[in-house]
N, C-alpha and C. Protein backbone atom coordinates (compact mmCIF):
# COMPACT_ATOMS: atom_id res chain seq x y z
N MET A 1 -23.08 33.14 47.34
CA MET A 1 -21.57 32.67 47.40
C MET A 1 -21.15 31.01 46.69
N LEU A 2 -22.50 30.46 46.68
CA LEU A 2 -22.13 29.03 46.08
C LEU A 2 -22.64 28.96 45.09
N ILE A 3 -22.68 30.14 44.23
CA ILE A 3 -22.49 29.95 42.79
C ILE A 3 -21.22 30.61 42.24
N PRO A 4 -20.78 31.53 42.69
CA PRO A 4 -19.10 31.60 42.13
C PRO A 4 -18.53 30.37 42.55
N LYS A 5 -18.31 29.76 43.24
CA LYS A 5 -17.55 28.43 43.57
C LYS A 5 -18.06 27.63 42.49
N PHE A 6 -19.16 27.35 41.88
CA PHE A 6 -19.44 26.41 41.17
C PHE A 6 -18.82 26.65 39.80
N ILE A 7 -18.78 28.48 39.61
CA ILE A 7 -18.75 28.67 38.24
C ILE A 7 -17.14 28.42 38.03
N ASN A 8 -16.52 28.88 38.92
CA ASN A 8 -15.06 28.37 39.14
C ASN A 8 -14.72 26.76 38.94
N PHE A 9 -15.48 26.16 39.59
CA PHE A 9 -15.05 24.42 39.34
C PHE A 9 -15.33 24.26 38.16
N LEU A 10 -16.59 24.44 37.60
CA LEU A 10 -16.21 24.41 35.95
C LEU A 10 -15.58 24.87 34.84
N THR A 11 -14.82 25.95 35.55
CA THR A 11 -13.71 26.25 34.47
C THR A 11 -12.68 25.72 34.48
N HIS A 12 -12.26 24.94 36.03
CA HIS A 12 -11.14 24.07 36.13
C HIS A 12 -11.18 22.90 35.78
N CYS A 13 -12.80 22.33 35.49
CA CYS A 13 -12.48 20.79 34.93
C CYS A 13 -12.35 20.34 33.43
N ARG A 14 -11.62 19.34 33.36
CA ARG A 14 -11.26 18.97 32.81
C ARG A 14 -12.49 17.95 31.84
N CYS A 15 -12.60 18.53 30.40
CA CYS A 15 -12.91 17.93 29.15
C CYS A 15 -12.14 16.89 28.18
N ILE A 16 -12.79 15.57 29.00
CA ILE A 16 -12.07 14.44 28.16
C ILE A 16 -13.00 14.02 26.58
N SER A 17 -12.62 13.98 25.90
CA SER A 17 -13.46 13.82 24.90
C SER A 17 -12.36 12.99 23.67
N SER A 18 -13.18 12.76 22.56
CA SER A 18 -11.82 12.18 21.38
C SER A 18 -10.77 12.64 21.07
N THR A 19 -11.17 14.52 20.89
CA THR A 19 -10.02 15.08 20.20
C THR A 19 -8.72 14.57 21.12
N THR A 20 -9.15 15.14 22.69
CA THR A 20 -8.11 14.77 23.60
C THR A 20 -7.50 13.38 23.24
N ALA A 21 -7.94 12.73 22.88
CA ALA A 21 -7.31 11.49 23.20
C ALA A 21 -6.38 10.84 21.71
N GLY A 22 -6.80 11.83 20.92
CA GLY A 22 -5.49 11.94 19.38
C GLY A 22 -4.38 12.59 19.88
N ILE A 23 -4.92 13.41 21.05
CA ILE A 23 -3.25 14.45 21.02
C ILE A 23 -2.48 13.81 22.13
N THR A 24 -3.23 13.15 23.19
CA THR A 24 -2.31 12.60 24.13
C THR A 24 -2.64 11.55 24.07
N LYS A 25 -2.18 10.63 25.12
CA LYS A 25 -2.67 8.87 25.25
C LYS A 25 -4.03 8.58 25.38
N ILE A 26 -4.22 6.93 25.05
CA ILE A 26 -5.68 7.04 25.08
C ILE A 26 -6.08 6.64 26.46
N HIS A 27 -7.32 7.25 27.01
CA HIS A 27 -7.33 7.23 27.92
C HIS A 27 -8.48 6.36 28.73
N ARG A 28 -8.01 4.91 28.33
CA ARG A 28 -9.06 3.65 28.60
C ARG A 28 -7.67 2.53 29.21
N ASN A 29 -8.28 2.02 29.51
CA ASN A 29 -7.68 0.95 30.60
C ASN A 29 -7.28 -0.26 29.73
N ILE A 30 -8.70 -0.81 29.26
CA ILE A 30 -9.09 -1.90 28.17
C ILE A 30 -9.17 -1.38 27.26
N TYR A 31 -8.59 -1.45 25.73
CA TYR A 31 -8.48 -0.96 24.12
C TYR A 31 -8.51 -1.86 23.53
N ALA A 32 -9.22 -1.67 22.03
CA ALA A 32 -8.64 -2.67 20.91
C ALA A 32 -7.19 -2.71 20.62
N ARG A 33 -6.60 -3.94 20.23
CA ARG A 33 -5.37 -4.10 19.83
C ARG A 33 -5.13 -3.09 18.90
N SER A 34 -3.77 -2.53 19.32
CA SER A 34 -2.97 -1.68 18.04
C SER A 34 -1.79 -2.17 18.22
N TYR A 35 -1.51 -1.95 17.00
CA TYR A 35 0.30 -2.41 16.64
C TYR A 35 1.24 -1.39 16.94
N ASN A 36 2.53 -1.28 17.52
CA ASN A 36 2.94 0.25 17.39
C ASN A 36 4.44 -0.29 17.37
N PRO A 37 4.93 0.81 17.07
CA PRO A 37 4.89 1.42 16.37
C PRO A 37 5.11 1.11 14.48
N THR A 38 3.93 1.45 14.13
CA THR A 38 3.35 1.54 12.33
C THR A 38 4.15 2.77 12.32
N VAL A 39 5.10 3.20 11.43
CA VAL A 39 5.89 4.47 10.56
C VAL A 39 4.96 4.30 9.16
N VAL A 40 4.40 5.77 8.83
CA VAL A 40 3.55 6.43 7.70
C VAL A 40 4.68 7.13 7.33
N VAL A 41 5.05 6.68 6.00
CA VAL A 41 6.32 7.42 5.19
C VAL A 41 5.31 8.48 3.98
N LEU A 42 5.43 9.74 4.38
CA LEU A 42 4.87 10.62 3.07
C LEU A 42 5.43 10.64 1.70
N PRO A 43 4.73 10.97 0.54
CA PRO A 43 5.65 11.27 -0.52
C PRO A 43 6.63 11.93 -0.50
N ASP A 44 7.17 13.37 0.45
CA ASP A 44 8.28 14.09 0.68
C ASP A 44 9.36 13.10 1.06
N GLY A 45 9.00 11.86 1.97
CA GLY A 45 10.19 11.32 2.73
C GLY A 45 10.70 11.35 3.68
N SER A 46 9.32 12.45 4.59
CA SER A 46 9.27 12.57 5.79
C SER A 46 8.23 10.84 6.45
N SER A 47 8.57 10.94 7.74
CA SER A 47 7.61 9.40 8.25
C SER A 47 7.43 10.09 9.58
N PHE A 48 6.28 9.39 10.39
CA PHE A 48 6.06 9.63 11.45
C PHE A 48 5.34 7.86 12.09
N ASN A 49 5.28 8.09 13.66
CA ASN A 49 4.62 6.88 14.17
C ASN A 49 3.69 6.83 14.44
N ILE A 50 2.61 5.88 14.15
CA ILE A 50 1.07 5.93 14.60
C ILE A 50 0.88 4.68 15.03
N ARG A 51 -0.46 4.54 15.54
CA ARG A 51 -1.11 2.79 16.24
C ARG A 51 -2.14 2.87 14.72
N TYR A 52 -1.93 1.16 14.85
CA TYR A 52 -2.56 0.86 13.47
C TYR A 52 -3.16 -0.36 14.15
N HIS A 53 -4.21 -0.76 13.25
CA HIS A 53 -4.92 -1.76 14.07
C HIS A 53 -4.46 -3.31 13.42
N GLU A 54 -3.74 -3.20 11.80
CA GLU A 54 -3.29 -4.25 11.60
C GLU A 54 -1.90 -4.09 12.06
N PRO A 55 -1.29 -5.63 11.66
CA PRO A 55 0.26 -5.52 12.21
C PRO A 55 1.04 -5.20 10.69
N ARG A 56 1.43 -3.63 10.64
CA ARG A 56 1.84 -3.50 9.42
C ARG A 56 3.06 -2.85 10.08
N ARG A 57 4.58 -2.71 9.46
CA ARG A 57 5.43 -2.07 9.58
C ARG A 57 5.70 -1.02 9.09
N ILE A 58 5.49 -0.44 8.24
CA ILE A 58 5.63 0.51 7.20
C ILE A 58 4.35 0.41 6.00
N ILE A 59 3.96 2.10 5.93
CA ILE A 59 2.62 2.47 5.02
C ILE A 59 3.00 3.46 4.31
N ARG A 60 3.50 3.39 3.21
CA ARG A 60 3.63 4.09 2.09
C ARG A 60 2.43 4.90 1.82
N LEU A 61 2.25 6.70 1.69
CA LEU A 61 1.15 6.88 1.14
C LEU A 61 1.87 7.28 -0.43
N PRO A 62 1.03 7.12 -1.45
CA PRO A 62 1.05 7.29 -2.93
C PRO A 62 1.48 8.94 -3.36
N LEU A 63 2.07 9.18 -3.69
CA LEU A 63 2.75 9.98 -4.68
C LEU A 63 1.34 10.81 -5.26
N ASP A 64 1.40 11.95 -5.37
CA ASP A 64 0.38 12.89 -6.02
C ASP A 64 1.09 13.32 -7.51
N LEU A 65 0.11 12.73 -8.30
CA LEU A 65 1.01 12.41 -10.06
C LEU A 65 0.21 14.10 -10.69
N ASN A 66 -0.33 14.84 -10.08
CA ASN A 66 -0.74 16.03 -10.33
C ASN A 66 0.27 17.26 -9.72
N THR A 67 1.11 17.13 -8.82
CA THR A 67 2.32 17.81 -8.39
C THR A 67 3.80 17.33 -9.40
N LEU A 68 3.29 16.05 -10.05
CA LEU A 68 4.74 16.13 -10.88
C LEU A 68 5.22 16.58 -11.98
N SER A 69 5.99 16.95 -12.80
CA SER A 69 6.56 17.67 -14.07
C SER A 69 5.81 16.60 -15.11
N GLU A 70 5.94 16.58 -16.37
CA GLU A 70 5.18 15.71 -17.41
C GLU A 70 6.15 14.77 -17.76
N GLU A 71 7.19 14.84 -17.92
CA GLU A 71 8.10 14.09 -18.15
C GLU A 71 8.27 12.54 -16.61
N GLU A 72 7.85 13.01 -15.66
CA GLU A 72 7.99 12.47 -14.08
C GLU A 72 6.94 11.04 -13.76
N ARG A 73 5.81 12.24 -14.82
CA ARG A 73 4.63 11.05 -14.50
C ARG A 73 4.70 10.32 -15.95
N LYS A 74 5.08 10.60 -16.91
CA LYS A 74 4.88 9.89 -17.85
C LYS A 74 5.73 8.53 -17.56
N VAL A 75 6.79 8.42 -16.97
CA VAL A 75 8.25 7.17 -16.06
C VAL A 75 7.26 6.67 -15.45
N ARG A 76 6.30 7.18 -14.27
CA ARG A 76 5.97 6.86 -13.09
C ARG A 76 5.05 5.83 -13.81
N LEU A 77 3.57 6.32 -14.83
CA LEU A 77 2.66 5.50 -15.14
C LEU A 77 3.09 4.61 -16.15
N ASP A 78 4.46 4.54 -16.89
CA ASP A 78 4.89 3.41 -18.06
C ASP A 78 5.57 2.35 -16.73
N ARG A 79 5.88 2.54 -15.82
CA ARG A 79 6.54 1.86 -14.63
C ARG A 79 5.19 1.13 -14.04
N ARG A 80 4.51 1.32 -13.79
CA ARG A 80 2.97 0.69 -13.30
C ARG A 80 2.10 -0.29 -14.62
N LYS A 81 2.42 -0.06 -15.87
CA LYS A 81 2.03 -0.85 -16.75
C LYS A 81 3.03 -2.22 -16.47
N PRO A 82 2.05 -3.76 -17.20
CA PRO A 82 2.85 -4.43 -17.06
C PRO A 82 3.92 -4.52 -18.19
N LYS A 83 4.89 -5.34 -18.08
CA LYS A 83 6.13 -4.96 -19.07
C LYS A 83 5.69 -6.16 -20.32
N LYS A 84 5.68 -5.91 -21.41
CA LYS A 84 5.51 -7.11 -22.23
C LYS A 84 6.95 -8.20 -22.61
N LYS A 85 6.68 -9.45 -22.57
CA LYS A 85 7.26 -10.30 -22.58
C LYS A 85 7.71 -10.66 -24.27
N ILE A 86 9.21 -11.19 -23.93
CA ILE A 86 9.81 -11.58 -25.05
C ILE A 86 9.33 -12.75 -25.90
N ARG A 87 9.17 -12.88 -26.61
CA ARG A 87 8.84 -14.07 -27.41
C ARG A 87 10.60 -14.30 -28.32
N VAL A 88 10.23 -15.85 -28.25
CA VAL A 88 11.67 -16.19 -29.16
C VAL A 88 11.14 -16.85 -30.17
N TYR A 89 10.92 -17.01 -31.36
CA TYR A 89 10.06 -18.02 -32.20
C TYR A 89 11.64 -18.71 -32.94
N GLU A 90 11.81 -19.96 -32.84
CA GLU A 90 13.12 -20.77 -33.49
C GLU A 90 12.44 -21.38 -34.78
N GLU A 91 13.08 -21.22 -36.24
CA GLU A 91 12.67 -22.02 -37.06
C GLU A 91 13.42 -23.22 -37.13
N VAL A 92 13.08 -24.70 -37.22
CA VAL A 92 13.63 -25.67 -37.33
C VAL A 92 13.39 -26.20 -38.87
N GLU A 93 14.29 -26.26 -39.43
CA GLU A 93 14.67 -27.08 -40.60
C GLU A 93 14.51 -28.08 -40.68
N ASP A 94 13.32 -28.79 -40.90
CA ASP A 94 12.34 -30.21 -41.14
C ASP A 94 12.81 -30.92 -42.33
N SER A 95 13.31 -31.91 -42.62
CA SER A 95 13.82 -32.63 -44.09
C SER A 95 13.49 -33.92 -43.69
N PHE A 96 12.13 -34.28 -42.84
CA PHE A 96 11.29 -35.50 -43.06
C PHE A 96 10.48 -35.15 -44.44
N SER A 97 10.55 -36.38 -44.90
CA SER A 97 9.14 -37.12 -45.90
C SER A 97 8.92 -38.24 -45.98
N SER A 98 7.54 -37.99 -45.80
CA SER A 98 6.43 -38.72 -45.22
C SER A 98 6.64 -39.97 -46.67
N GLN A 99 6.83 -39.52 -47.59
CA GLN A 99 6.88 -40.58 -48.78
C GLN A 99 8.01 -41.55 -48.83
N LYS A 100 8.95 -41.22 -47.40
CA LYS A 100 9.73 -42.53 -47.50
C LYS A 100 9.20 -43.74 -46.74
N TYR A 101 8.39 -43.36 -45.85
CA TYR A 101 7.49 -44.80 -44.83
C TYR A 101 6.34 -44.98 -45.66
N ILE A 102 6.10 -44.45 -46.20
CA ILE A 102 4.68 -45.29 -46.93
C ILE A 102 4.57 -46.16 -47.21
N LYS A 103 5.76 -46.49 -47.60
CA LYS A 103 5.68 -48.47 -48.48
C LYS A 103 5.91 -49.27 -47.11
N MET A 104 6.32 -48.83 -46.05
CA MET A 104 6.08 -49.51 -44.71
C MET A 104 4.72 -49.84 -44.19
N LEU A 105 4.33 -48.89 -44.52
CA LEU A 105 2.23 -48.69 -44.47
C LEU A 105 1.86 -49.43 -45.34
N LYS A 106 1.82 -49.95 -46.21
CA LYS A 106 1.36 -50.64 -47.10
C LYS A 106 1.44 -52.22 -46.72
N LYS A 107 0.15 -52.66 -46.84
CA LYS A 107 -0.23 -54.35 -46.15
C LYS A 107 0.10 -54.92 -47.50
N LYS A 108 0.74 -56.24 -47.31
CA LYS A 108 0.75 -57.31 -48.24
C LYS A 108 -0.14 -58.12 -48.82
């Protein structure tokens, strides 16, 4: 009689593990600081809230370049490259002649 009651007790016992904490709430009274809500935005535009250990508001996951077409991939890679700076060179016409001032430098 004792054995069937013990087996029945085992089947009704709740098994708490790390996986149940991921599905439901955290079953600890004291736990490390987590910042809630942090929004995770997937490349397709969908989003969901998570707990995060750093104070972030939005985490945006990168886009997989292998799923893009060749044109879109080229445009995205060109945006990542640094932009070239435009240099403007001004030519100054100089009519300075040092020969005019040499006579002032000669010692008498």
